[in-house]
Amino acid sequence: SHIVDEKIKKLVADIIDGYHTRPAFLDKYGIPYRH
């Protein structure tokens, strides 16, 4: 929401979506997530 350029937005989104916490780790601490 603070970035104007669409290409920079896409790069930021790719960096964020490039890693996901393991389901087993989230289950261990009772943190909800999309399956």
PDB file of all heavy atoms in Angstrom:
ATOM      1  N   SER A   1       0.822  -1.217   0.000  1.00  0.00           N
ATOM      2  CA  SER A   1       0.000   0.000   0.000  1.00  0.00           C
ATOM      3  C   SER A   1       0.853   1.262   0.000  1.00  0.00           C
ATOM      4  O   SER A   1       0.353   2.353  -0.286  1.00  0.00           O
ATOM      5  CB  SER A   1      -0.924   0.002   1.225  1.00  0.00           C
ATOM      6  OG  SER A   1      -0.170   0.068   2.424  1.00  0.00           O
ATOM      7  N   HIS A   2       2.144   1.135   0.285  1.00  0.00           N
ATOM      8  CA  HIS A   2       3.051   2.282   0.295  1.00  0.00           C
ATOM      9  C   HIS A   2       3.884   2.370  -0.992  1.00  0.00           C
ATOM     10  O   HIS A   2       4.712   3.275  -1.111  1.00  0.00           O
ATOM     11  CB  HIS A   2       4.007   2.186   1.496  1.00  0.00           C
ATOM     12  CG  HIS A   2       3.315   2.282   2.821  1.00  0.00           C
ATOM     13  ND1 HIS A   2       3.112   3.480   3.477  1.00  0.00           N
ATOM     14  CD2 HIS A   2       2.773   1.321   3.617  1.00  0.00           C
ATOM     15  CE1 HIS A   2       2.490   3.249   4.621  1.00  0.00           C
ATOM     16  NE2 HIS A   2       2.270   1.950   4.728  1.00  0.00           N
ATOM     17  N   ILE A   3       3.697   1.453  -1.930  1.00  0.00           N
ATOM     18  CA  ILE A   3       4.529   1.383  -3.134  1.00  0.00           C
ATOM     19  C   ILE A   3       3.684   1.721  -4.354  1.00  0.00           C
ATOM     20  O   ILE A   3       2.565   1.208  -4.508  1.00  0.00           O
ATOM     21  CB  ILE A   3       5.158  -0.024  -3.285  1.00  0.00           C
ATOM     22  CG1 ILE A   3       6.010  -0.363  -2.051  1.00  0.00           C
ATOM     23  CG2 ILE A   3       6.007  -0.102  -4.545  1.00  0.00           C
ATOM     24  CD1 ILE A   3       6.512  -1.789  -2.021  1.00  0.00           C
ATOM     25  N   VAL A   4       4.225   2.559  -5.240  1.00  0.00           N
ATOM     26  CA  VAL A   4       3.503   2.967  -6.447  1.00  0.00           C
ATOM     27  C   VAL A   4       3.801   2.034  -7.612  1.00  0.00           C
ATOM     28  O   VAL A   4       2.877   1.576  -8.302  1.00  0.00           O
ATOM     29  CB  VAL A   4       3.872   4.422  -6.824  1.00  0.00           C
ATOM     30  CG1 VAL A   4       3.240   4.809  -8.159  1.00  0.00           C
ATOM     31  CG2 VAL A   4       3.426   5.384  -5.725  1.00  0.00           C
ATOM     32  N   ASP A   5       5.065   1.734  -7.859  1.00  0.00           N
ATOM     33  CA  ASP A   5       5.476   0.941  -9.025  1.00  0.00           C
ATOM     34  C   ASP A   5       4.988  -0.510  -8.909  1.00  0.00           C
ATOM     35  O   ASP A   5       5.252  -1.191  -7.915  1.00  0.00           O
ATOM     36  CB  ASP A   5       6.999   0.975  -9.158  1.00  0.00           C
ATOM     37  CG  ASP A   5       7.477   0.435 -10.498  1.00  0.00           C
ATOM     38  OD1 ASP A   5       7.476  -0.796 -10.664  1.00  0.00           O
ATOM     39  OD2 ASP A   5       7.852   1.239 -11.368  1.00  0.00           O
ATOM     40  N   GLU A   6       4.287  -0.981  -9.948  1.00  0.00           N
ATOM     41  CA  GLU A   6       3.718  -2.332  -9.923  1.00  0.00           C
ATOM     42  C   GLU A   6       4.794  -3.413  -9.949  1.00  0.00           C
ATOM     43  O   GLU A   6       4.620  -4.485  -9.374  1.00  0.00           O
ATOM     44  CB  GLU A   6       2.769  -2.516 -11.110  1.00  0.00           C
ATOM     45  CG  GLU A   6       1.507  -1.679 -11.044  1.00  0.00           C
ATOM     46  CD  GLU A   6       0.637  -2.038  -9.834  1.00  0.00           C
ATOM     47  OE1 GLU A   6       0.631  -3.229  -9.453  1.00  0.00           O
ATOM     48  OE2 GLU A   6      -0.007  -1.138  -9.273  1.00  0.00           O
ATOM     49  N   LYS A   7       5.911  -3.161 -10.614  1.00  0.00           N
ATOM     50  CA  LYS A   7       6.977  -4.164 -10.685  1.00  0.00           C
ATOM     51  C   LYS A   7       7.633  -4.365  -9.312  1.00  0.00           C
ATOM     52  O   LYS A   7       7.975  -5.489  -8.942  1.00  0.00           O
ATOM     53  CB  LYS A   7       8.029  -3.751 -11.720  1.00  0.00           C
ATOM     54  CG  LYS A   7       7.548  -3.827 -13.161  1.00  0.00           C
ATOM     55  CD  LYS A   7       8.683  -3.476 -14.112  1.00  0.00           C
ATOM     56  CE  LYS A   7       8.236  -3.569 -15.565  1.00  0.00           C
ATOM     57  NZ  LYS A   7       9.344  -3.207 -16.495  1.00  0.00           N
ATOM     58  N   ILE A   8       7.809  -3.266  -8.578  1.00  0.00           N
ATOM     59  CA  ILE A   8       8.370  -3.388  -7.229  1.00  0.00           C
ATOM     60  C   ILE A   8       7.383  -4.118  -6.322  1.00  0.00           C
ATOM     61  O   ILE A   8       7.777  -4.947  -5.493  1.00  0.00           O
ATOM     62  CB  ILE A   8       8.735  -2.005  -6.658  1.00  0.00           C
ATOM     63  CG1 ILE A   8       9.806  -1.331  -7.526  1.00  0.00           C
ATOM     64  CG2 ILE A   8       9.229  -2.128  -5.217  1.00  0.00           C
ATOM     65  CD1 ILE A   8      10.218   0.045  -7.043  1.00  0.00           C
ATOM     66  N   LYS A   9       6.090  -3.825  -6.495  1.00  0.00           N
ATOM     67  CA  LYS A   9       5.069  -4.552  -5.728  1.00  0.00           C
ATOM     68  C   LYS A   9       5.165  -6.051  -5.988  1.00  0.00           C
ATOM     69  O   LYS A   9       5.090  -6.865  -5.057  1.00  0.00           O
ATOM     70  CB  LYS A   9       3.671  -4.060  -6.102  1.00  0.00           C
ATOM     71  CG  LYS A   9       3.280  -2.716  -5.539  1.00  0.00           C
ATOM     72  CD  LYS A   9       1.838  -2.405  -5.911  1.00  0.00           C
ATOM     73  CE  LYS A   9       1.406  -1.060  -5.366  1.00  0.00           C
ATOM     74  NZ  LYS A   9      -0.006  -0.745  -5.703  1.00  0.00           N
ATOM     75  N   LYS A  10       5.317  -6.417  -7.261  1.00  0.00           N
ATOM     76  CA  LYS A  10       5.390  -7.833  -7.616  1.00  0.00           C
ATOM     77  C   LYS A  10       6.632  -8.490  -7.011  1.00  0.00           C
ATOM     78  O   LYS A  10       6.572  -9.622  -6.512  1.00  0.00           O
ATOM     79  CB  LYS A  10       5.409  -8.007  -9.132  1.00  0.00           C
ATOM     80  CG  LYS A  10       5.430  -9.470  -9.595  1.00  0.00           C
ATOM     81  CD  LYS A  10       5.453  -9.572 -11.108  1.00  0.00           C
ATOM     82  CE  LYS A  10       5.445 -11.044 -11.543  1.00  0.00           C
ATOM     83  NZ  LYS A  10       6.589 -11.805 -11.015  1.00  0.00           N
ATOM     84  N   LEU A  11       7.753  -7.771  -7.034  1.00  0.00           N
ATOM     85  CA  LEU A  11       8.984  -8.315  -6.453  1.00  0.00           C
ATOM     86  C   LEU A  11       8.827  -8.534  -4.950  1.00  0.00           C
ATOM     87  O   LEU A  11       9.222  -9.579  -4.425  1.00  0.00           O
ATOM     88  CB  LEU A  11      10.154  -7.365  -6.726  1.00  0.00           C
ATOM     89  CG  LEU A  11      11.505  -7.772  -6.116  1.00  0.00           C
ATOM     90  CD1 LEU A  11      11.958  -9.120  -6.660  1.00  0.00           C
ATOM     91  CD2 LEU A  11      12.556  -6.704  -6.379  1.00  0.00           C
ATOM     92  N   VAL A  12       8.224  -7.559  -4.264  1.00  0.00           N
ATOM     93  CA  VAL A  12       7.988  -7.700  -2.825  1.00  0.00           C
ATOM     94  C   VAL A  12       7.071  -8.891  -2.550  1.00  0.00           C
ATOM     95  O   VAL A  12       7.326  -9.694  -1.639  1.00  0.00           O
ATOM     96  CB  VAL A  12       7.385  -6.403  -2.248  1.00  0.00           C
ATOM     97  CG1 VAL A  12       6.896  -6.620  -0.815  1.00  0.00           C
ATOM     98  CG2 VAL A  12       8.412  -5.271  -2.281  1.00  0.00           C
ATOM     99  N   ALA A  13       6.027  -9.028  -3.361  1.00  0.00           N
ATOM    100  CA  ALA A  13       5.099 -10.160  -3.185  1.00  0.00           C
ATOM    101  C   ALA A  13       5.799 -11.491  -3.437  1.00  0.00           C
ATOM    102  O   ALA A  13       5.555 -12.478  -2.724  1.00  0.00           O
ATOM    103  CB  ALA A  13       3.904  -9.992  -4.118  1.00  0.00           C
ATOM    104  N   ASP A  14       6.675 -11.540  -4.447  1.00  0.00           N
ATOM    105  CA  ASP A  14       7.414 -12.779  -4.735  1.00  0.00           C
ATOM    106  C   ASP A  14       8.341 -13.150  -3.579  1.00  0.00           C
ATOM    107  O   ASP A  14       8.489 -14.343  -3.242  1.00  0.00           O
ATOM    108  CB  ASP A  14       8.227 -12.622  -6.020  1.00  0.00           C
ATOM    109  CG  ASP A  14       7.354 -12.604  -7.268  1.00  0.00           C
ATOM    110  OD1 ASP A  14       6.193 -13.044  -7.170  1.00  0.00           O
ATOM    111  OD2 ASP A  14       7.841 -12.152  -8.321  1.00  0.00           O
ATOM    112  N   ILE A  15       8.982 -12.146  -2.970  1.00  0.00           N
ATOM    113  CA  ILE A  15       9.873 -12.415  -1.836  1.00  0.00           C
ATOM    114  C   ILE A  15       9.068 -12.950  -0.648  1.00  0.00           C
ATOM    115  O   ILE A  15       9.472 -13.913   0.017  1.00  0.00           O
ATOM    116  CB  ILE A  15      10.642 -11.142  -1.447  1.00  0.00           C
ATOM    117  CG1 ILE A  15      11.652 -10.775  -2.546  1.00  0.00           C
ATOM    118  CG2 ILE A  15      11.369 -11.326  -0.114  1.00  0.00           C
ATOM    119  CD1 ILE A  15      12.337  -9.448  -2.341  1.00  0.00           C
ATOM    120  N   ILE A  16       7.917 -12.333  -0.386  1.00  0.00           N
ATOM    121  CA  ILE A  16       7.083 -12.780   0.742  1.00  0.00           C
ATOM    122  C   ILE A  16       6.548 -14.187   0.499  1.00  0.00           C
ATOM    123  O   ILE A  16       6.575 -15.042   1.401  1.00  0.00           O
ATOM    124  CB  ILE A  16       5.929 -11.785   0.974  1.00  0.00           C
ATOM    125  CG1 ILE A  16       6.480 -10.441   1.444  1.00  0.00           C
ATOM    126  CG2 ILE A  16       4.934 -12.348   1.992  1.00  0.00           C
ATOM    127  CD1 ILE A  16       5.441  -9.333   1.526  1.00  0.00           C
ATOM    128  N   ASP A  17       6.062 -14.450  -0.723  1.00  0.00           N
ATOM    129  CA  ASP A  17       5.485 -15.762  -1.038  1.00  0.00           C
ATOM    130  C   ASP A  17       6.538 -16.831  -1.315  1.00  0.00           C
ATOM    131  O   ASP A  17       6.191 -17.993  -1.544  1.00  0.00           O
ATOM    132  CB  ASP A  17       4.562 -15.651  -2.259  1.00  0.00           C
ATOM    133  CG  ASP A  17       3.283 -14.888  -1.937  1.00  0.00           C
ATOM    134  OD1 ASP A  17       2.868 -14.915  -0.761  1.00  0.00           O
ATOM    135  OD2 ASP A  17       2.718 -14.258  -2.858  1.00  0.00           O
ATOM    136  N   GLY A  18       7.811 -16.441  -1.282  1.00  0.00           N
ATOM    137  CA  GLY A  18       8.869 -17.411  -1.563  1.00  0.00           C
ATOM    138  C   GLY A  18       9.178 -18.343  -0.402  1.00  0.00           C
ATOM    139  O   GLY A  18       9.979 -19.262  -0.546  1.00  0.00           O
ATOM    140  N   TYR A  19       8.547 -18.084   0.752  1.00  0.00           N
ATOM    141  CA  TYR A  19       8.792 -18.940   1.924  1.00  0.00           C
ATOM    142  C   TYR A  19       7.487 -19.158   2.670  1.00  0.00           C
ATOM    143  O   TYR A  19       6.683 -18.229   2.839  1.00  0.00           O
ATOM    144  CB  TYR A  19       9.815 -18.300   2.859  1.00  0.00           C
ATOM    145  CG  TYR A  19       9.978 -19.035   4.167  1.00  0.00           C
ATOM    146  CD1 TYR A  19      10.768 -20.174   4.255  1.00  0.00           C
ATOM    147  CD2 TYR A  19       9.305 -18.602   5.319  1.00  0.00           C
ATOM    148  CE1 TYR A  19      10.900 -20.861   5.449  1.00  0.00           C
ATOM    149  CE2 TYR A  19       9.436 -19.285   6.511  1.00  0.00           C
ATOM    150  CZ  TYR A  19      10.238 -20.415   6.573  1.00  0.00           C
ATOM    151  OH  TYR A  19      10.358 -21.091   7.754  1.00  0.00           O
ATOM    152  N   HIS A  20       7.256 -20.390   3.107  1.00  0.00           N
ATOM    153  CA  HIS A  20       6.076 -20.739   3.897  1.00  0.00           C
ATOM    154  C   HIS A  20       6.514 -21.576   5.106  1.00  0.00           C
ATOM    155  O   HIS A  20       7.286 -22.529   4.950  1.00  0.00           O
ATOM    156  CB  HIS A  20       5.066 -21.541   3.068  1.00  0.00           C
ATOM    157  CG  HIS A  20       4.489 -20.785   1.912  1.00  0.00           C
ATOM    158  ND1 HIS A  20       3.275 -20.126   1.971  1.00  0.00           N
ATOM    159  CD2 HIS A  20       4.969 -20.567   0.663  1.00  0.00           C
ATOM    160  CE1 HIS A  20       3.026 -19.552   0.811  1.00  0.00           C
ATOM    161  NE2 HIS A  20       4.042 -19.805  -0.001  1.00  0.00           N
ATOM    162  N   THR A  21       6.009 -21.227   6.277  1.00  0.00           N
ATOM    163  CA  THR A  21       6.286 -22.027   7.468  1.00  0.00           C
ATOM    164  C   THR A  21       5.662 -23.412   7.328  1.00  0.00           C
ATOM    165  O   THR A  21       4.537 -23.548   6.831  1.00  0.00           O
ATOM    166  CB  THR A  21       5.725 -21.335   8.718  1.00  0.00           C
ATOM    167  OG1 THR A  21       6.271 -20.015   8.801  1.00  0.00           O
ATOM    168  CG2 THR A  21       6.090 -22.101   9.983  1.00  0.00           C
ATOM    169  N   ARG A  22       6.378 -24.422   7.776  1.00  0.00           N
ATOM    170  CA  ARG A  22       5.906 -25.800   7.652  1.00  0.00           C
ATOM    171  C   ARG A  22       4.599 -26.014   8.428  1.00  0.00           C
ATOM    172  O   ARG A  22       4.448 -25.515   9.546  1.00  0.00           O
ATOM    173  CB  ARG A  22       6.966 -26.766   8.174  1.00  0.00           C
ATOM    174  CG  ARG A  22       8.237 -26.807   7.356  1.00  0.00           C
ATOM    175  CD  ARG A  22       9.259 -27.750   7.956  1.00  0.00           C
ATOM    176  NE  ARG A  22       9.775 -27.294   9.234  1.00  0.00           N
ATOM    177  CZ  ARG A  22       9.455 -27.806  10.406  1.00  0.00           C
ATOM    178  NH1 ARG A  22       8.587 -28.805  10.484  1.00  0.00           N
ATOM    179  NH2 ARG A  22       9.989 -27.333  11.522  1.00  0.00           N
ATOM    180  N   PRO A  23       3.648 -26.770   7.854  1.00  0.00           N
ATOM    181  CA  PRO A  23       2.381 -27.042   8.561  1.00  0.00           C
ATOM    182  C   PRO A  23       2.584 -27.681   9.930  1.00  0.00           C
ATOM    183  O   PRO A  23       1.869 -27.354  10.882  1.00  0.00           O
ATOM    184  CB  PRO A  23       1.648 -27.990   7.601  1.00  0.00           C
ATOM    185  CG  PRO A  23       2.217 -27.702   6.255  1.00  0.00           C
ATOM    186  CD  PRO A  23       3.646 -27.342   6.492  1.00  0.00           C
ATOM    187  N   ALA A  24       3.553 -28.603  10.040  1.00  0.00           N
ATOM    188  CA  ALA A  24       3.782 -29.280  11.317  1.00  0.00           C
ATOM    189  C   ALA A  24       4.177 -28.282  12.406  1.00  0.00           C
ATOM    190  O   ALA A  24       3.779 -28.431  13.571  1.00  0.00           O
ATOM    191  CB  ALA A  24       4.875 -30.342  11.149  1.00  0.00           C
ATOM    192  N   PHE A  25       4.956 -27.269  12.046  1.00  0.00           N
ATOM    193  CA  PHE A  25       5.378 -26.256  13.019  1.00  0.00           C
ATOM    194  C   PHE A  25       4.171 -25.446  13.496  1.00  0.00           C
ATOM    195  O   PHE A  25       4.015 -25.204  14.696  1.00  0.00           O
ATOM    196  CB  PHE A  25       6.419 -25.333  12.382  1.00  0.00           C
ATOM    197  CG  PHE A  25       6.974 -24.292  13.306  1.00  0.00           C
ATOM    198  CD1 PHE A  25       8.103 -24.541  14.061  1.00  0.00           C
ATOM    199  CD2 PHE A  25       6.364 -23.053  13.437  1.00  0.00           C
ATOM    200  CE1 PHE A  25       8.618 -23.585  14.923  1.00  0.00           C
ATOM    201  CE2 PHE A  25       6.860 -22.087  14.297  1.00  0.00           C
ATOM    202  CZ  PHE A  25       7.994 -22.358  15.038  1.00  0.00           C
ATOM    203  N   LEU A  26       3.305 -25.032  12.572  1.00  0.00           N
ATOM    204  CA  LEU A  26       2.128 -24.247  12.942  1.00  0.00           C
ATOM    205  C   LEU A  26       1.141 -25.076  13.756  1.00  0.00           C
ATOM    206  O   LEU A  26       0.521 -24.572  14.704  1.00  0.00           O
ATOM    207  CB  LEU A  26       1.455 -23.703  11.678  1.00  0.00           C
ATOM    208  CG  LEU A  26       2.308 -22.742  10.831  1.00  0.00           C
ATOM    209  CD1 LEU A  26       1.578 -22.380   9.549  1.00  0.00           C
ATOM    210  CD2 LEU A  26       2.649 -21.477  11.616  1.00  0.00           C
ATOM    211  N   ASP A  27       0.995 -26.349  13.410  1.00  0.00           N
ATOM    212  CA  ASP A  27       0.109 -27.236  14.181  1.00  0.00           C
ATOM    213  C   ASP A  27       0.603 -27.385  15.620  1.00  0.00           C
ATOM    214  O   ASP A  27      -0.195 -27.470  16.558  1.00  0.00           O
ATOM    215  CB  ASP A  27       0.029 -28.613  13.513  1.00  0.00           C
ATOM    216  CG  ASP A  27      -0.766 -28.580  12.212  1.00  0.00           C
ATOM    217  OD1 ASP A  27      -1.614 -27.684  12.066  1.00  0.00           O
ATOM    218  OD2 ASP A  27      -0.527 -29.447  11.347  1.00  0.00           O
ATOM    219  N   LYS A  28       1.904 -27.432  15.787  1.00  0.00           N
ATOM    220  CA  LYS A  28       2.489 -27.624  17.120  1.00  0.00           C
ATOM    221  C   LYS A  28       2.092 -26.504  18.072  1.00  0.00           C
ATOM    222  O   LYS A  28       1.858 -26.739  19.266  1.00  0.00           O
ATOM    223  CB  LYS A  28       4.017 -27.696  16.989  1.00  0.00           C
ATOM    224  CG  LYS A  28       4.745 -27.882  18.308  1.00  0.00           C
ATOM    225  CD  LYS A  28       6.250 -27.947  18.095  1.00  0.00           C
ATOM    226  CE  LYS A  28       6.995 -28.085  19.428  1.00  0.00           C
ATOM    227  NZ  LYS A  28       8.475 -28.120  19.205  1.00  0.00           N
ATOM    228  N   TYR A  29       1.990 -25.278  17.560  1.00  0.00           N
ATOM    229  CA  TYR A  29       1.680 -24.130  18.408  1.00  0.00           C
ATOM    230  C   TYR A  29       0.235 -23.643  18.244  1.00  0.00           C
ATOM    231  O   TYR A  29      -0.121 -22.579  18.762  1.00  0.00           O
ATOM    232  CB  TYR A  29       2.651 -22.984  18.114  1.00  0.00           C
ATOM    233  CG  TYR A  29       4.073 -23.324  18.481  1.00  0.00           C
ATOM    234  CD1 TYR A  29       4.982 -23.774  17.531  1.00  0.00           C
ATOM    235  CD2 TYR A  29       4.503 -23.230  19.803  1.00  0.00           C
ATOM    236  CE1 TYR A  29       6.286 -24.100  17.873  1.00  0.00           C
ATOM    237  CE2 TYR A  29       5.797 -23.555  20.155  1.00  0.00           C
ATOM    238  CZ  TYR A  29       6.681 -23.986  19.189  1.00  0.00           C
ATOM    239  OH  TYR A  29       7.976 -24.317  19.540  1.00  0.00           O
ATOM    240  N   GLY A  30      -0.573 -24.407  17.510  1.00  0.00           N
ATOM    241  CA  GLY A  30      -1.985 -24.067  17.372  1.00  0.00           C
ATOM    242  C   GLY A  30      -2.247 -22.813  16.566  1.00  0.00           C
ATOM    243  O   GLY A  30      -3.220 -22.092  16.827  1.00  0.00           O
ATOM    244  N   ILE A  31      -1.388 -22.521  15.592  1.00  0.00           N
ATOM    245  CA  ILE A  31      -1.554 -21.333  14.747  1.00  0.00           C
ATOM    246  C   ILE A  31      -2.343 -21.720  13.500  1.00  0.00           C
ATOM    247  O   ILE A  31      -1.933 -22.622  12.764  1.00  0.00           O
ATOM    248  CB  ILE A  31      -0.182 -20.752  14.356  1.00  0.00           C
ATOM    249  CG1 ILE A  31       0.609 -20.368  15.617  1.00  0.00           C
ATOM    250  CG2 ILE A  31      -0.341 -19.547  13.439  1.00  0.00           C
ATOM    251  CD1 ILE A  31       2.049 -19.979  15.345  1.00  0.00           C
ATOM    252  N   PRO A  32      -3.482 -21.085  13.239  1.00  0.00           N
ATOM    253  CA  PRO A  32      -4.283 -21.448  12.056  1.00  0.00           C
ATOM    254  C   PRO A  32      -3.590 -21.044  10.757  1.00  0.00           C
ATOM    255  O   PRO A  32      -2.829 -20.075  10.710  1.00  0.00           O
ATOM    256  CB  PRO A  32      -5.584 -20.662  12.255  1.00  0.00           C
ATOM    257  CG  PRO A  32      -5.191 -19.489  13.099  1.00  0.00           C
ATOM    258  CD  PRO A  32      -4.089 -19.985  14.003  1.00  0.00           C
ATOM    259  N   TYR A  33      -3.873 -21.784   9.687  1.00  0.00           N
ATOM    260  CA  TYR A  33      -3.285 -21.490   8.383  1.00  0.00           C
ATOM    261  C   TYR A  33      -4.172 -22.085   7.295  1.00  0.00           C
ATOM    262  O   TYR A  33      -5.037 -22.921   7.565  1.00  0.00           O
ATOM    263  CB  TYR A  33      -1.862 -22.060   8.283  1.00  0.00           C
ATOM    264  CG  TYR A  33      -1.779 -23.567   8.445  1.00  0.00           C
ATOM    265  CD1 TYR A  33      -1.825 -24.415   7.334  1.00  0.00           C
ATOM    266  CD2 TYR A  33      -1.663 -24.156   9.706  1.00  0.00           C
ATOM    267  CE1 TYR A  33      -1.758 -25.792   7.482  1.00  0.00           C
ATOM    268  CE2 TYR A  33      -1.589 -25.529   9.864  1.00  0.00           C
ATOM    269  CZ  TYR A  33      -1.637 -26.338   8.746  1.00  0.00           C
ATOM    270  OH  TYR A  33      -1.574 -27.699   8.880  1.00  0.00           O
ATOM    271  N   ARG A  34      -3.957 -21.651   6.059  1.00  0.00           N
ATOM    272  CA  ARG A  34      -4.716 -22.198   4.937  1.00  0.00           C
ATOM    273  C   ARG A  34      -4.116 -23.548   4.543  1.00  0.00           C
ATOM    274  O   ARG A  34      -2.891 -23.708   4.502  1.00  0.00           O
ATOM    275  CB  ARG A  34      -4.688 -21.236   3.752  1.00  0.00           C
ATOM    276  CG  ARG A  34      -3.363 -21.152   3.041  1.00  0.00           C
ATOM    277  CD  ARG A  34      -3.370 -20.140   1.917  1.00  0.00           C
ATOM    278  NE  ARG A  34      -2.134 -20.227   1.139  1.00  0.00           N
ATOM    279  CZ  ARG A  34      -1.697 -19.265   0.359  1.00  0.00           C
ATOM    280  NH1 ARG A  34      -2.386 -18.135   0.246  1.00  0.00           N
ATOM    281  NH2 ARG A  34      -0.573 -19.413  -0.328  1.00  0.00           N
ATOM    282  N   HIS A  35      -4.957 -24.500   4.249  1.00  0.00           N
ATOM    283  CA  HIS A  35      -4.504 -25.854   3.932  1.00  0.00           C
ATOM    284  C   HIS A  35      -4.345 -25.995   2.414  1.00  0.00           C
ATOM    285  O   HIS A  35      -5.298 -26.241   1.682  1.00  0.00           O
ATOM    286  CB  HIS A  35      -5.482 -26.892   4.480  1.00  0.00           C
ATOM    287  CG  HIS A  35      -5.547 -26.905   5.975  1.00  0.00           C
ATOM    288  ND1 HIS A  35      -4.748 -27.712   6.749  1.00  0.00           N
ATOM    289  CD2 HIS A  35      -6.294 -26.174   6.848  1.00  0.00           C
ATOM    290  CE1 HIS A  35      -5.008 -27.501   8.028  1.00  0.00           C
ATOM    291  NE2 HIS A  35      -5.943 -26.573   8.118  1.00  0.00           N
TER     292      HIS A  35
END
